[in-house]
Amino acid sequence: MEQDPGNSRFRYMLAMETLNSGDLSGAAAVFDEVIARDPNYNAAYFHGGQTLEKLGRIDAARQMYRSGIDAASRNGDGHTRSELQGALDMLGG
Protein backbone atom coordinates (compact mmCIF):
# COMPACT_ATOMS: atom_id res chain seq x y z
CA MET A 1 0.00 0.00 0.00
CA GLU A 2 1.42 3.35 -0.99
CA GLN A 3 2.15 5.77 1.84
CA ASP A 4 0.83 9.32 1.58
CA PRO A 5 2.01 11.39 4.56
CA GLY A 6 -0.51 14.13 3.77
CA ASN A 7 -3.36 11.66 3.75
CA SER A 8 -2.08 10.05 6.95
CA ARG A 9 -2.02 13.42 8.66
CA PHE A 10 -5.53 14.23 7.44
CA ARG A 11 -6.85 10.85 8.61
CA TYR A 12 -5.09 11.27 11.97
CA MET A 13 -6.72 14.70 12.40
CA LEU A 14 -10.08 13.11 11.53
CA ALA A 15 -9.48 10.43 14.17
CA MET A 16 -8.74 13.10 16.77
CA GLU A 17 -11.86 15.08 15.85
CA THR A 18 -13.93 11.89 16.02
CA LEU A 19 -12.42 11.16 19.43
CA ASN A 20 -13.11 14.71 20.63
CA SER A 21 -16.74 14.37 19.54
CA GLY A 22 -17.09 11.38 21.86
CA ASP A 23 -17.32 8.67 19.19
CA LEU A 24 -14.74 6.31 20.67
CA SER A 25 -15.54 3.36 18.40
CA GLY A 26 -15.38 5.56 15.31
CA ALA A 27 -12.09 7.08 16.43
CA ALA A 28 -10.58 3.64 17.09
CA ALA A 29 -11.55 2.57 13.58
CA VAL A 30 -9.90 5.64 12.02
CA PHE A 31 -6.73 5.20 14.10
CA ASP A 32 -6.60 1.59 12.84
CA GLU A 33 -6.98 2.88 9.29
CA VAL A 34 -4.15 5.39 9.72
CA ILE A 35 -1.83 2.66 11.00
CA ALA A 36 -2.85 0.23 8.27
CA ARG A 37 -2.09 2.83 5.60
CA ASP A 38 1.05 4.21 7.22
CA PRO A 39 2.57 1.94 9.90
CA ASN A 40 5.19 4.61 10.63
CA TYR A 41 2.67 7.25 11.76
CA ASN A 42 3.78 7.00 15.39
CA ALA A 43 1.28 9.35 17.03
CA ALA A 44 -1.65 7.18 15.90
CA TYR A 45 -0.44 4.33 18.10
CA PHE A 46 -0.45 6.40 21.29
CA HIS A 47 -3.85 8.01 20.81
CA GLY A 48 -5.28 4.84 19.31
CA GLY A 49 -4.14 2.92 22.38
CA GLN A 50 -5.66 5.49 24.71
CA THR A 51 -8.93 5.24 22.79
CA LEU A 52 -8.92 1.46 23.11
CA GLU A 53 -8.31 1.82 26.85
CA LYS A 54 -11.36 4.10 27.13
CA LEU A 55 -13.38 1.45 25.30
CA GLY A 56 -12.24 -1.13 27.86
CA ARG A 57 -10.29 -3.05 25.21
CA ILE A 58 -7.17 -3.36 27.34
CA ASP A 59 -5.52 -6.27 25.50
CA ALA A 60 -5.98 -4.46 22.19
CA ALA A 61 -4.51 -1.28 23.73
CA ARG A 62 -1.47 -3.22 24.95
CA GLN A 63 -0.95 -4.64 21.47
CA MET A 64 -1.28 -1.21 19.87
CA TYR A 65 1.28 0.24 22.29
CA ARG A 66 3.68 -2.65 21.56
CA SER A 67 3.29 -2.15 17.81
CA GLY A 68 3.86 1.57 18.29
CA ILE A 69 7.02 0.94 20.29
CA ASP A 70 8.30 -1.18 17.40
CA ALA A 71 7.39 1.53 14.87
CA ALA A 72 8.95 4.33 16.92
CA SER A 73 12.11 2.25 17.37
CA ARG A 74 12.32 1.68 13.59
CA ASN A 75 11.88 5.41 13.02
CA GLY A 76 14.34 6.54 15.69
CA ASP A 77 11.58 8.44 17.53
CA GLY A 78 12.73 8.09 21.12
CA HIS A 79 10.20 10.54 22.52
CA THR A 80 7.16 8.71 21.17
CA ARG A 81 8.72 5.36 22.06
CA SER A 82 9.10 6.55 25.66
CA GLU A 83 5.47 7.75 25.79
CA LEU A 84 4.23 4.44 24.40
CA GLN A 85 6.37 2.46 26.85
CA GLY A 86 5.00 4.53 29.73
CA ALA A 87 1.42 3.87 28.61
CA LEU A 88 2.16 0.16 28.28
CA ASP A 89 3.80 0.07 31.70
CA MET A 90 0.70 1.68 33.24
CA LEU A 91 -1.38 -1.20 31.85
CA GLY A 92 0.98 -3.74 33.33
CA GLY A 93 2.89 -4.31 30.11
PDB file of N, CA and C in Angstrom:
ATOM      1  N   MET A   1       0.841  -1.179   0.000  1.00  0.00           N
ATOM      2  CA  MET A   1       0.000   0.000   0.000  1.00  0.00           C
ATOM      3  C   MET A   1       0.887   1.242   0.000  1.00  0.00           C
ATOM      4  N   GLU A   2       0.607   2.143  -0.857  1.00  0.00           N
ATOM      5  CA  GLU A   2       1.417   3.353  -0.994  1.00  0.00           C
ATOM      6  C   GLU A   2       1.179   4.287   0.186  1.00  0.00           C
ATOM      7  N   GLN A   3       2.255   4.841   0.713  1.00  0.00           N
ATOM      8  CA  GLN A   3       2.153   5.768   1.838  1.00  0.00           C
ATOM      9  C   GLN A   3       1.993   7.186   1.324  1.00  0.00           C
ATOM     10  N   ASP A   4       1.072   7.913   1.921  1.00  0.00           N
ATOM     11  CA  ASP A   4       0.833   9.316   1.584  1.00  0.00           C
ATOM     12  C   ASP A   4       0.813  10.086   2.891  1.00  0.00           C
ATOM     13  N   PRO A   5       1.960  10.698   3.276  1.00  0.00           N
ATOM     14  CA  PRO A   5       2.012  11.387   4.561  1.00  0.00           C
ATOM     15  C   PRO A   5       0.918  12.441   4.727  1.00  0.00           C
ATOM     16  N   GLY A   6       0.560  13.140   3.668  1.00  0.00           N
ATOM     17  CA  GLY A   6      -0.509  14.133   3.773  1.00  0.00           C
ATOM     18  C   GLY A   6      -1.831  13.488   4.112  1.00  0.00           C
ATOM     19  N   ASN A   7      -2.125  12.371   3.466  1.00  0.00           N
ATOM     20  CA  ASN A   7      -3.361  11.663   3.745  1.00  0.00           C
ATOM     21  C   ASN A   7      -3.327  11.089   5.162  1.00  0.00           C
ATOM     22  N   SER A   8      -2.193  10.580   5.588  1.00  0.00           N
ATOM     23  CA  SER A   8      -2.081  10.050   6.947  1.00  0.00           C
ATOM     24  C   SER A   8      -2.352  11.147   7.968  1.00  0.00           C
ATOM     25  N   ARG A   9      -1.803  12.300   7.725  1.00  0.00           N
ATOM     26  CA  ARG A   9      -2.020  13.425   8.655  1.00  0.00           C
ATOM     27  C   ARG A   9      -3.489  13.816   8.681  1.00  0.00           C
ATOM     28  N   PHE A  10      -4.114  13.889   7.508  1.00  0.00           N
ATOM     29  CA  PHE A  10      -5.528  14.225   7.438  1.00  0.00           C
ATOM     30  C   PHE A  10      -6.366  13.192   8.185  1.00  0.00           C
ATOM     31  N   ARG A  11      -6.088  11.914   7.953  1.00  0.00           N
ATOM     32  CA  ARG A  11      -6.848  10.846   8.610  1.00  0.00           C
ATOM     33  C   ARG A  11      -6.614  10.876  10.125  1.00  0.00           C
ATOM     34  N   TYR A  12      -5.389  11.169  10.543  1.00  0.00           N
ATOM     35  CA  TYR A  12      -5.085  11.274  11.968  1.00  0.00           C
ATOM     36  C   TYR A  12      -5.891  12.416  12.588  1.00  0.00           C
ATOM     37  N   MET A  13      -5.939  13.550  11.897  1.00  0.00           N
ATOM     38  CA  MET A  13      -6.719  14.697  12.402  1.00  0.00           C
ATOM     39  C   MET A  13      -8.200  14.325  12.470  1.00  0.00           C
ATOM     40  N   LEU A  14      -8.694  13.572  11.494  1.00  0.00           N
ATOM     41  CA  LEU A  14     -10.075  13.108  11.526  1.00  0.00           C
ATOM     42  C   LEU A  14     -10.308  12.197  12.732  1.00  0.00           C
ATOM     43  N   ALA A  15      -9.362  11.313  13.005  1.00  0.00           N
ATOM     44  CA  ALA A  15      -9.482  10.429  14.169  1.00  0.00           C
ATOM     45  C   ALA A  15      -9.557  11.242  15.457  1.00  0.00           C
ATOM     46  N   MET A  16      -8.725  12.266  15.560  1.00  0.00           N
ATOM     47  CA  MET A  16      -8.735  13.101  16.766  1.00  0.00           C
ATOM     48  C   MET A  16     -10.053  13.863  16.901  1.00  0.00           C
ATOM     49  N   GLU A  17     -10.568  14.380  15.804  1.00  0.00           N
ATOM     50  CA  GLU A  17     -11.862  15.075  15.845  1.00  0.00           C
ATOM     51  C   GLU A  17     -12.982  14.112  16.230  1.00  0.00           C
ATOM     52  N   THR A  18     -12.928  12.907  15.689  1.00  0.00           N
ATOM     53  CA  THR A  18     -13.931  11.894  16.020  1.00  0.00           C
ATOM     54  C   THR A  18     -13.843  11.557  17.503  1.00  0.00           C
ATOM     55  N   LEU A  19     -12.636  11.425  18.009  1.00  0.00           N
ATOM     56  CA  LEU A  19     -12.423  11.165  19.431  1.00  0.00           C
ATOM     57  C   LEU A  19     -12.978  12.306  20.269  1.00  0.00           C
ATOM     58  N   ASN A  20     -12.653  13.534  19.883  1.00  0.00           N
ATOM     59  CA  ASN A  20     -13.112  14.707  20.633  1.00  0.00           C
ATOM     60  C   ASN A  20     -14.624  14.862  20.617  1.00  0.00           C
ATOM     61  N   SER A  21     -15.280  14.306  19.601  1.00  0.00           N
ATOM     62  CA  SER A  21     -16.741  14.375  19.537  1.00  0.00           C
ATOM     63  C   SER A  21     -17.394  13.313  20.416  1.00  0.00           C
ATOM     64  N   GLY A  22     -16.565  12.401  20.965  1.00  0.00           N
ATOM     65  CA  GLY A  22     -17.089  11.380  21.859  1.00  0.00           C
ATOM     66  C   GLY A  22     -17.365  10.041  21.192  1.00  0.00           C
ATOM     67  N   ASP A  23     -17.094   9.923  19.909  1.00  0.00           N
ATOM     68  CA  ASP A  23     -17.319   8.671  19.191  1.00  0.00           C
ATOM     69  C   ASP A  23     -16.065   7.806  19.299  1.00  0.00           C
ATOM     70  N   LEU A  24     -15.943   7.092  20.412  1.00  0.00           N
ATOM     71  CA  LEU A  24     -14.743   6.315  20.667  1.00  0.00           C
ATOM     72  C   LEU A  24     -14.565   5.185  19.659  1.00  0.00           C
ATOM     73  N   SER A  25     -15.636   4.475  19.354  1.00  0.00           N
ATOM     74  CA  SER A  25     -15.539   3.362  18.401  1.00  0.00           C
ATOM     75  C   SER A  25     -15.141   3.863  17.019  1.00  0.00           C
ATOM     76  N   GLY A  26     -15.731   4.977  16.608  1.00  0.00           N
ATOM     77  CA  GLY A  26     -15.384   5.562  15.315  1.00  0.00           C
ATOM     78  C   GLY A  26     -13.942   6.007  15.280  1.00  0.00           C
ATOM     79  N   ALA A  27     -13.486   6.620  16.364  1.00  0.00           N
ATOM     80  CA  ALA A  27     -12.095   7.084  16.429  1.00  0.00           C
ATOM     81  C   ALA A  27     -11.136   5.899  16.369  1.00  0.00           C
ATOM     82  N   ALA A  28     -11.449   4.828  17.108  1.00  0.00           N
ATOM     83  CA  ALA A  28     -10.583   3.644  17.095  1.00  0.00           C
ATOM     84  C   ALA A  28     -10.465   3.088  15.683  1.00  0.00           C
ATOM     85  N   ALA A  29     -11.563   3.080  14.955  1.00  0.00           N
ATOM     86  CA  ALA A  29     -11.545   2.572  13.577  1.00  0.00           C
ATOM     87  C   ALA A  29     -10.667   3.439  12.682  1.00  0.00           C
ATOM     88  N   VAL A  30     -10.717   4.758  12.857  1.00  0.00           N
ATOM     89  CA  VAL A  30      -9.905   5.642  12.019  1.00  0.00           C
ATOM     90  C   VAL A  30      -8.430   5.527  12.405  1.00  0.00           C
ATOM     91  N   PHE A  31      -8.126   5.405  13.701  1.00  0.00           N
ATOM     92  CA  PHE A  31      -6.728   5.200  14.099  1.00  0.00           C
ATOM     93  C   PHE A  31      -6.189   3.911  13.464  1.00  0.00           C
ATOM     94  N   ASP A  32      -7.002   2.842  13.478  1.00  0.00           N
ATOM     95  CA  ASP A  32      -6.596   1.588  12.843  1.00  0.00           C
ATOM     96  C   ASP A  32      -6.316   1.801  11.356  1.00  0.00           C
ATOM     97  N   GLU A  33      -7.150   2.596  10.718  1.00  0.00           N
ATOM     98  CA  GLU A  33      -6.977   2.877   9.291  1.00  0.00           C
ATOM     99  C   GLU A  33      -5.673   3.631   9.026  1.00  0.00           C
ATOM    100  N   VAL A  34      -5.393   4.619   9.872  1.00  0.00           N
ATOM    101  CA  VAL A  34      -4.149   5.388   9.716  1.00  0.00           C
ATOM    102  C   VAL A  34      -2.951   4.444   9.797  1.00  0.00           C
ATOM    103  N   ILE A  35      -2.956   3.578  10.793  1.00  0.00           N
ATOM    104  CA  ILE A  35      -1.832   2.662  11.005  1.00  0.00           C
ATOM    105  C   ILE A  35      -1.733   1.653   9.863  1.00  0.00           C
ATOM    106  N   ALA A  36      -2.862   1.178   9.387  1.00  0.00           N
ATOM    107  CA  ALA A  36      -2.847   0.225   8.274  1.00  0.00           C
ATOM    108  C   ALA A  36      -2.260   0.860   7.016  1.00  0.00           C
ATOM    109  N   ARG A  37      -2.585   2.129   6.793  1.00  0.00           N
ATOM    110  CA  ARG A  37      -2.089   2.829   5.599  1.00  0.00           C
ATOM    111  C   ARG A  37      -0.648   3.285   5.750  1.00  0.00           C
ATOM    112  N   ASP A  38      -0.287   3.655   6.976  1.00  0.00           N
ATOM    113  CA  ASP A  38       1.053   4.206   7.219  1.00  0.00           C
ATOM    114  C   ASP A  38       1.545   3.715   8.580  1.00  0.00           C
ATOM    115  N   PRO A  39       2.143   2.516   8.625  1.00  0.00           N
ATOM    116  CA  PRO A  39       2.568   1.943   9.903  1.00  0.00           C
ATOM    117  C   PRO A  39       3.662   2.733  10.617  1.00  0.00           C
ATOM    118  N   ASN A  40       4.177   3.776   9.992  1.00  0.00           N
ATOM    119  CA  ASN A  40       5.188   4.611  10.632  1.00  0.00           C
ATOM    120  C   ASN A  40       4.612   5.900  11.206  1.00  0.00           C
ATOM    121  N   TYR A  41       3.295   6.040  11.206  1.00  0.00           N
ATOM    122  CA  TYR A  41       2.672   7.251  11.762  1.00  0.00           C
ATOM    123  C   TYR A  41       2.536   7.053  13.276  1.00  0.00           C
ATOM    124  N   ASN A  42       3.624   7.355  13.979  1.00  0.00           N
ATOM    125  CA  ASN A  42       3.780   6.996  15.387  1.00  0.00           C
ATOM    126  C   ASN A  42       2.699   7.530  16.313  1.00  0.00           C
ATOM    127  N   ALA A  43       2.252   8.744  16.114  1.00  0.00           N
ATOM    128  CA  ALA A  43       1.279   9.347  17.033  1.00  0.00           C
ATOM    129  C   ALA A  43      -0.035   8.573  17.058  1.00  0.00           C
ATOM    130  N   ALA A  44      -0.386   7.923  15.961  1.00  0.00           N
ATOM    131  CA  ALA A  44      -1.650   7.184  15.905  1.00  0.00           C
ATOM    132  C   ALA A  44      -1.660   6.022  16.889  1.00  0.00           C
ATOM    133  N   TYR A  45      -0.503   5.452  17.164  1.00  0.00           N
ATOM    134  CA  TYR A  45      -0.442   4.327  18.103  1.00  0.00           C
ATOM    135  C   TYR A  45      -0.769   4.781  19.521  1.00  0.00           C
ATOM    136  N   PHE A  46      -0.226   5.919  19.920  1.00  0.00           N
ATOM    137  CA  PHE A  46      -0.451   6.404  21.289  1.00  0.00           C
ATOM    138  C   PHE A  46      -1.924   6.753  21.501  1.00  0.00           C
ATOM    139  N   HIS A  47      -2.464   7.595  20.634  1.00  0.00           N
ATOM    140  CA  HIS A  47      -3.849   8.015  20.814  1.00  0.00           C
ATOM    141  C   HIS A  47      -4.827   6.884  20.505  1.00  0.00           C
ATOM    142  N   GLY A  48      -4.453   6.020  19.569  1.00  0.00           N
ATOM    143  CA  GLY A  48      -5.276   4.840  19.310  1.00  0.00           C
ATOM    144  C   GLY A  48      -5.331   3.928  20.525  1.00  0.00           C
ATOM    145  N   GLY A  49      -4.187   3.734  21.161  1.00  0.00           N
ATOM    146  CA  GLY A  49      -4.143   2.918  22.376  1.00  0.00           C
ATOM    147  C   GLY A  49      -4.957   3.522  23.501  1.00  0.00           C
ATOM    148  N   GLN A  50      -4.859   4.822  23.675  1.00  0.00           N
ATOM    149  CA  GLN A  50      -5.662   5.487  24.709  1.00  0.00           C
ATOM    150  C   GLN A  50      -7.152   5.317  24.438  1.00  0.00           C
ATOM    151  N   THR A  51      -7.527   5.407  23.166  1.00  0.00           N
ATOM    152  CA  THR A  51      -8.931   5.243  22.794  1.00  0.00           C
ATOM    153  C   THR A  51      -9.394   3.829  23.112  1.00  0.00           C
ATOM    154  N   LEU A  52      -8.573   2.849  22.791  1.00  0.00           N
ATOM    155  CA  LEU A  52      -8.918   1.461  23.112  1.00  0.00           C
ATOM    156  C   LEU A  52      -9.056   1.261  24.621  1.00  0.00           C
ATOM    157  N   GLU A  53      -8.190   1.898  25.387  1.00  0.00           N
ATOM    158  CA  GLU A  53      -8.313   1.822  26.851  1.00  0.00           C
ATOM    159  C   GLU A  53      -9.674   2.351  27.300  1.00  0.00           C
ATOM    160  N   LYS A  54     -10.082   3.502  26.762  1.00  0.00           N
ATOM    161  CA  LYS A  54     -11.363   4.098  27.134  1.00  0.00           C
ATOM    162  C   LYS A  54     -12.534   3.194  26.770  1.00  0.00           C
ATOM    163  N   LEU A  55     -12.349   2.397  25.716  1.00  0.00           N
ATOM    164  CA  LEU A  55     -13.382   1.453  25.299  1.00  0.00           C
ATOM    165  C   LEU A  55     -13.353   0.170  26.135  1.00  0.00           C
ATOM    166  N   GLY A  56     -12.371   0.060  27.036  1.00  0.00           N
ATOM    167  CA  GLY A  56     -12.237  -1.132  27.865  1.00  0.00           C
ATOM    168  C   GLY A  56     -11.567  -2.290  27.145  1.00  0.00           C
ATOM    169  N   ARG A  57     -10.966  -2.014  26.010  1.00  0.00           N
ATOM    170  CA  ARG A  57     -10.290  -3.048  25.212  1.00  0.00           C
ATOM    171  C   ARG A  57      -8.799  -3.046  25.566  1.00  0.00           C
ATOM    172  N   ILE A  58      -8.506  -3.486  26.766  1.00  0.00           N
ATOM    173  CA  ILE A  58      -7.166  -3.358  27.338  1.00  0.00           C
ATOM    174  C   ILE A  58      -6.137  -4.197  26.589  1.00  0.00           C
ATOM    175  N   ASP A  59      -6.484  -5.441  26.241  1.00  0.00           N
ATOM    176  CA  ASP A  59      -5.521  -6.269  25.502  1.00  0.00           C
ATOM    177  C   ASP A  59      -5.190  -5.649  24.145  1.00  0.00           C
ATOM    178  N   ALA A  60      -6.200  -5.108  23.479  1.00  0.00           N
ATOM    179  CA  ALA A  60      -5.976  -4.458  22.185  1.00  0.00           C
ATOM    180  C   ALA A  60      -5.117  -3.207  22.362  1.00  0.00           C
ATOM    181  N   ALA A  61      -5.324  -2.465  23.456  1.00  0.00           N
ATOM    182  CA  ALA A  61      -4.513  -1.277  23.733  1.00  0.00           C
ATOM    183  C   ALA A  61      -3.063  -1.678  23.950  1.00  0.00           C
ATOM    184  N   ARG A  62      -2.840  -2.739  24.731  1.00  0.00           N
ATOM    185  CA  ARG A  62      -1.469  -3.216  24.951  1.00  0.00           C
ATOM    186  C   ARG A  62      -0.791  -3.550  23.621  1.00  0.00           C
ATOM    187  N   GLN A  63      -1.525  -4.253  22.755  1.00  0.00           N
ATOM    188  CA  GLN A  63      -0.954  -4.636  21.472  1.00  0.00           C
ATOM    189  C   GLN A  63      -0.641  -3.410  20.613  1.00  0.00           C
ATOM    190  N   MET A  64      -1.531  -2.419  20.651  1.00  0.00           N
ATOM    191  CA  MET A  64      -1.275  -1.207  19.870  1.00  0.00           C
ATOM    192  C   MET A  64      -0.040  -0.486  20.397  1.00  0.00           C
ATOM    193  N   TYR A  65       0.091  -0.400  21.718  1.00  0.00           N
ATOM    194  CA  TYR A  65       1.284   0.241  22.291  1.00  0.00           C
ATOM    195  C   TYR A  65       2.546  -0.518  21.888  1.00  0.00           C
ATOM    196  N   ARG A  66       2.506  -1.857  21.948  1.00  0.00           N
ATOM    197  CA  ARG A  66       3.679  -2.654  21.556  1.00  0.00           C
ATOM    198  C   ARG A  66       4.039  -2.417  20.094  1.00  0.00           C
ATOM    199  N   SER A  67       3.043  -2.413  19.240  1.00  0.00           N
ATOM    200  CA  SER A  67       3.287  -2.154  17.813  1.00  0.00           C
ATOM    201  C   SER A  67       3.858  -0.758  17.610  1.00  0.00           C
ATOM    202  N   GLY A  68       3.350   0.206  18.373  1.00  0.00           N
ATOM    203  CA  GLY A  68       3.856   1.574  18.289  1.00  0.00           C
ATOM    204  C   GLY A  68       5.289   1.688  18.763  1.00  0.00           C
ATOM    205  N   ILE A  69       5.638   0.945  19.800  1.00  0.00           N
ATOM    206  CA  ILE A  69       7.021   0.940  20.288  1.00  0.00           C
ATOM    207  C   ILE A  69       7.944   0.421  19.186  1.00  0.00           C
ATOM    208  N   ASP A  70       7.506  -0.648  18.511  1.00  0.00           N
ATOM    209  CA  ASP A  70       8.296  -1.183  17.396  1.00  0.00           C
ATOM    210  C   ASP A  70       8.456  -0.145  16.287  1.00  0.00           C
ATOM    211  N   ALA A  71       7.357   0.526  15.939  1.00  0.00           N
ATOM    212  CA  ALA A  71       7.393   1.529  14.869  1.00  0.00           C
ATOM    213  C   ALA A  71       8.292   2.697  15.257  1.00  0.00           C
ATOM    214  N   ALA A  72       8.140   3.195  16.477  1.00  0.00           N
ATOM    215  CA  ALA A  72       8.948   4.328  16.922  1.00  0.00           C
ATOM    216  C   ALA A  72      10.430   3.950  16.969  1.00  0.00           C
ATOM    217  N   SER A  73      10.716   2.718  17.354  1.00  0.00           N
ATOM    218  CA  SER A  73      12.109   2.254  17.369  1.00  0.00           C
ATOM    219  C   SER A  73      12.671   2.227  15.952  1.00  0.00           C
ATOM    220  N   ARG A  74      11.888   1.714  15.001  1.00  0.00           N
ATOM    221  CA  ARG A  74      12.324   1.683  13.593  1.00  0.00           C
ATOM    222  C   ARG A  74      12.604   3.080  13.064  1.00  0.00           C
ATOM    223  N   ASN A  75      11.787   4.043  13.521  1.00  0.00           N
ATOM    224  CA  ASN A  75      11.883   5.412  13.018  1.00  0.00           C
ATOM    225  C   ASN A  75      12.844   6.290  13.815  1.00  0.00           C
ATOM    226  N   GLY A  76      13.422   5.755  14.870  1.00  0.00           N
ATOM    227  CA  GLY A  76      14.339   6.538  15.689  1.00  0.00           C
ATOM    228  C   GLY A  76      13.643   7.636  16.482  1.00  0.00           C
ATOM    229  N   ASP A  77      12.365   7.441  16.798  1.00  0.00           N
ATOM    230  CA  ASP A  77      11.575   8.439  17.533  1.00  0.00           C
ATOM    231  C   ASP A  77      11.547   8.056  19.013  1.00  0.00           C
ATOM    232  N   GLY A  78      12.597   8.442  19.712  1.00  0.00           N
ATOM    233  CA  GLY A  78      12.734   8.092  21.117  1.00  0.00           C
ATOM    234  C   GLY A  78      11.663   8.685  22.010  1.00  0.00           C
ATOM    235  N   HIS A  79      11.219   9.899  21.697  1.00  0.00           N
ATOM    236  CA  HIS A  79      10.201  10.544  22.521  1.00  0.00           C
ATOM    237  C   HIS A  79       8.891   9.763  22.482  1.00  0.00           C
ATOM    238  N   THR A  80       8.423   9.450  21.285  1.00  0.00           N
ATOM    239  CA  THR A  80       7.163   8.708  21.168  1.00  0.00           C
ATOM    240  C   THR A  80       7.327   7.306  21.739  1.00  0.00           C
ATOM    241  N   ARG A  81       8.479   6.688  21.509  1.00  0.00           N
ATOM    242  CA  ARG A  81       8.720   5.359  22.060  1.00  0.00           C
ATOM    243  C   ARG A  81       8.592   5.387  23.579  1.00  0.00           C
ATOM    244  N   SER A  82       9.160   6.408  24.208  1.00  0.00           N
ATOM    245  CA  SER A  82       9.095   6.550  25.661  1.00  0.00           C
ATOM    246  C   SER A  82       7.651   6.732  26.134  1.00  0.00           C
ATOM    247  N   GLU A  83       6.879   7.547  25.422  1.00  0.00           N
ATOM    248  CA  GLU A  83       5.467   7.748  25.791  1.00  0.00           C
ATOM    249  C   GLU A  83       4.686   6.441  25.677  1.00  0.00           C
ATOM    250  N   LEU A  84       4.919   5.710  24.598  1.00  0.00           N
ATOM    251  CA  LEU A  84       4.228   4.439  24.398  1.00  0.00           C
ATOM    252  C   LEU A  84       4.633   3.422  25.465  1.00  0.00           C
ATOM    253  N   GLN A  85       5.907   3.386  25.805  1.00  0.00           N
ATOM    254  CA  GLN A  85       6.369   2.460  26.847  1.00  0.00           C
ATOM    255  C   GLN A  85       5.737   2.806  28.185  1.00  0.00           C
ATOM    256  N   GLY A  86       5.641   4.099  28.488  1.00  0.00           N
ATOM    257  CA  GLY A  86       5.003   4.529  29.734  1.00  0.00           C
ATOM    258  C   GLY A  86       3.536   4.117  29.785  1.00  0.00           C
ATOM    259  N   ALA A  87       2.835   4.276  28.659  1.00  0.00           N
ATOM    260  CA  ALA A  87       1.424   3.873  28.606  1.00  0.00           C
ATOM    261  C   ALA A  87       1.300   2.368  28.783  1.00  0.00           C
ATOM    262  N   LEU A  88       2.176   1.620  28.146  1.00  0.00           N
ATOM    263  CA  LEU A  88       2.157   0.162  28.276  1.00  0.00           C
ATOM    264  C   LEU A  88       2.452  -0.256  29.704  1.00  0.00           C
ATOM    265  N   ASP A  89       3.438   0.377  30.308  1.00  0.00           N
ATOM    266  CA  ASP A  89       3.801   0.065  31.704  1.00  0.00           C
ATOM    267  C   ASP A  89       2.624   0.312  32.646  1.00  0.00           C
ATOM    268  N   MET A  90       1.853   1.370  32.389  1.00  0.00           N
ATOM    269  CA  MET A  90       0.702   1.681  33.241  1.00  0.00           C
ATOM    270  C   MET A  90      -0.380   0.603  33.147  1.00  0.00           C
ATOM    271  N   LEU A  91      -0.410  -0.112  32.022  1.00  0.00           N
ATOM    272  CA  LEU A  91      -1.378  -1.198  31.855  1.00  0.00           C
ATOM    273  C   LEU A  91      -0.826  -2.540  32.358  1.00  0.00           C
ATOM    274  N   GLY A  92       0.384  -2.506  32.860  1.00  0.00           N
ATOM    275  CA  GLY A  92       0.984  -3.735  33.330  1.00  0.00           C
ATOM    276  C   GLY A  92       1.639  -4.535  32.216  1.00  0.00           C
ATOM    277  N   GLY A  93       2.090  -3.786  31.180  1.00  0.00           N
ATOM    278  CA  GLY A  93       2.895  -4.312  30.111  1.00  0.00           C
ATOM    279  C   GLY A  93       2.410  -5.462  29.368  1.00  0.00           C
TER     280      GLY A  93
END
